[in-house]
Amino acid sequence: MNEGQKKFYDFILERVSDDNKNKAEKLLTESFSRQADGTFDSAYITAFIPELLKIIKYEFSDEVKSVLSDYKTKE
């Protein structure tokens, strides 16, 4: 995990409930793995973002959507 990924990882984990932390960790780990192996593409992102948003605490949803919008453009 590089420094940018670590910041994103920490950012997301701070915004999910305790009962969703394992799911968030799994989604993020898969995402970073796909970035490393070159399979991080539009189709994956299209599936990844809604899954991640499902586990974000409601009060952080707009903030996370904004960050994910930037994340998507860095594909």
C-alpha atoms as a PDB file:
ATOM      1  CA  MET A   1       0.000   0.000   0.000  1.00  0.00           C
ATOM      2  CA  ASN A   2       1.483   3.309  -1.046  1.00  0.00           C
ATOM      3  CA  GLU A   3       1.126   6.558   0.907  1.00  0.00           C
ATOM      4  CA  GLY A   4      -1.878   7.813  -1.088  1.00  0.00           C
ATOM      5  CA  GLN A   5      -3.648   4.483  -0.702  1.00  0.00           C
ATOM      6  CA  LYS A   6      -2.965   4.522   3.034  1.00  0.00           C
ATOM      7  CA  LYS A   7      -4.531   7.983   3.356  1.00  0.00           C
ATOM      8  CA  PHE A   8      -7.584   6.850   1.370  1.00  0.00           C
ATOM      9  CA  TYR A   9      -7.801   3.638   3.432  1.00  0.00           C
ATOM     10  CA  ASP A  10      -7.709   5.576   6.700  1.00  0.00           C
ATOM     11  CA  PHE A  11     -10.189   8.158   5.392  1.00  0.00           C
ATOM     12  CA  ILE A  12     -12.720   5.468   4.462  1.00  0.00           C
ATOM     13  CA  LEU A  13     -12.282   3.401   7.632  1.00  0.00           C
ATOM     14  CA  GLU A  14     -12.960   6.479   9.735  1.00  0.00           C
ATOM     15  CA  ARG A  15     -16.302   6.857   7.945  1.00  0.00           C
ATOM     16  CA  VAL A  16     -17.742   3.364   8.243  1.00  0.00           C
ATOM     17  CA  SER A  17     -19.399   1.819  11.260  1.00  0.00           C
ATOM     18  CA  ASP A  18     -17.459  -0.751  13.270  1.00  0.00           C
ATOM     19  CA  ASP A  19     -19.610  -3.573  11.942  1.00  0.00           C
ATOM     20  CA  ASN A  20     -18.634  -2.656   8.358  1.00  0.00           C
ATOM     21  CA  LYS A  21     -14.891  -2.207   8.866  1.00  0.00           C
ATOM     22  CA  ASN A  22     -14.052  -5.724   7.671  1.00  0.00           C
ATOM     23  CA  LYS A  23     -16.080  -5.255   4.513  1.00  0.00           C
ATOM     24  CA  ALA A  24     -14.425  -1.880   3.887  1.00  0.00           C
ATOM     25  CA  GLU A  25     -10.975  -3.386   4.403  1.00  0.00           C
ATOM     26  CA  LYS A  26     -11.773  -6.157   1.936  1.00  0.00           C
ATOM     27  CA  LEU A  27     -13.083  -3.732  -0.707  1.00  0.00           C
ATOM     28  CA  LEU A  28     -10.106  -1.416  -0.328  1.00  0.00           C
ATOM     29  CA  THR A  29      -7.550  -4.222  -0.373  1.00  0.00           C
ATOM     30  CA  GLU A  30      -9.073  -5.593  -3.564  1.00  0.00           C
ATOM     31  CA  SER A  31      -9.062  -2.127  -5.101  1.00  0.00           C
ATOM     32  CA  PHE A  32      -5.389  -1.570  -4.298  1.00  0.00           C
ATOM     33  CA  SER A  33      -4.511  -5.032  -5.581  1.00  0.00           C
ATOM     34  CA  ARG A  34      -6.278  -4.279  -8.860  1.00  0.00           C
ATOM     35  CA  GLN A  35      -4.378  -1.012  -9.145  1.00  0.00           C
ATOM     36  CA  ALA A  36      -1.124  -2.908  -8.729  1.00  0.00           C
ATOM     37  CA  ASP A  37      -1.935  -5.632 -11.255  1.00  0.00           C
ATOM     38  CA  GLY A  38      -3.505  -3.365 -13.875  1.00  0.00           C
ATOM     39  CA  THR A  39      -7.104  -4.584 -13.605  1.00  0.00           C
ATOM     40  CA  PHE A  40      -8.415  -1.389 -12.009  1.00  0.00           C
ATOM     41  CA  ASP A  41     -10.677  -0.284 -14.839  1.00  0.00           C
ATOM     42  CA  SER A  42     -13.947   1.550 -15.441  1.00  0.00           C
ATOM     43  CA  ALA A  43     -16.035  -1.593 -15.072  1.00  0.00           C
ATOM     44  CA  TYR A  44     -14.466  -2.360 -11.714  1.00  0.00           C
ATOM     45  CA  ILE A  45     -14.844   1.220 -10.471  1.00  0.00           C
ATOM     46  CA  THR A  46     -18.493   1.243 -11.523  1.00  0.00           C
ATOM     47  CA  ALA A  47     -19.090  -1.790  -9.298  1.00  0.00           C
ATOM     48  CA  PHE A  48     -16.729  -0.734  -6.483  1.00  0.00           C
ATOM     49  CA  ILE A  49     -18.132   2.720  -5.722  1.00  0.00           C
ATOM     50  CA  PRO A  50     -21.749   1.681  -4.980  1.00  0.00           C
ATOM     51  CA  GLU A  51     -20.533  -1.169  -2.761  1.00  0.00           C
ATOM     52  CA  LEU A  52     -18.339   1.177  -0.796  1.00  0.00           C
ATOM     53  CA  LEU A  53     -21.053   3.828  -0.469  1.00  0.00           C
ATOM     54  CA  LYS A  54     -23.429   1.236   1.009  1.00  0.00           C
ATOM     55  CA  ILE A  55     -21.253   0.901   4.084  1.00  0.00           C
ATOM     56  CA  ILE A  56     -20.410   4.578   4.643  1.00  0.00           C
ATOM     57  CA  LYS A  57     -22.149   6.273   7.562  1.00  0.00           C
ATOM     58  CA  TYR A  58     -24.946   8.500   6.283  1.00  0.00           C
ATOM     59  CA  GLU A  59     -23.456  11.707   7.670  1.00  0.00           C
ATOM     60  CA  PHE A  60     -20.291  11.168   5.607  1.00  0.00           C
ATOM     61  CA  SER A  61     -21.923  10.117   2.338  1.00  0.00           C
ATOM     62  CA  ASP A  62     -21.586  13.468   0.520  1.00  0.00           C
ATOM     63  CA  GLU A  63     -17.982  13.896   1.593  1.00  0.00           C
ATOM     64  CA  VAL A  64     -17.081  10.375   0.477  1.00  0.00           C
ATOM     65  CA  LYS A  65     -18.957  10.758  -2.819  1.00  0.00           C
ATOM     66  CA  SER A  66     -16.878  13.841  -3.539  1.00  0.00           C
ATOM     67  CA  VAL A  67     -13.614  12.022  -2.827  1.00  0.00           C
ATOM     68  CA  LEU A  68     -14.735   8.982  -4.851  1.00  0.00           C
ATOM     69  CA  SER A  69     -15.504  11.236  -7.776  1.00  0.00           C
ATOM     70  CA  ASP A  70     -11.860  12.330  -7.739  1.00  0.00           C
ATOM     71  CA  TYR A  71     -10.763   8.716  -7.222  1.00  0.00           C
ATOM     72  CA  LYS A  72     -12.716   7.664 -10.299  1.00  0.00           C
ATOM     73  CA  THR A  73     -11.027  10.262 -12.491  1.00  0.00           C
ATOM     74  CA  LYS A  74      -7.594   8.949 -11.453  1.00  0.00           C
ATOM     75  CA  GLU A  75      -8.225   5.557 -13.039  1.00  0.00           C
END
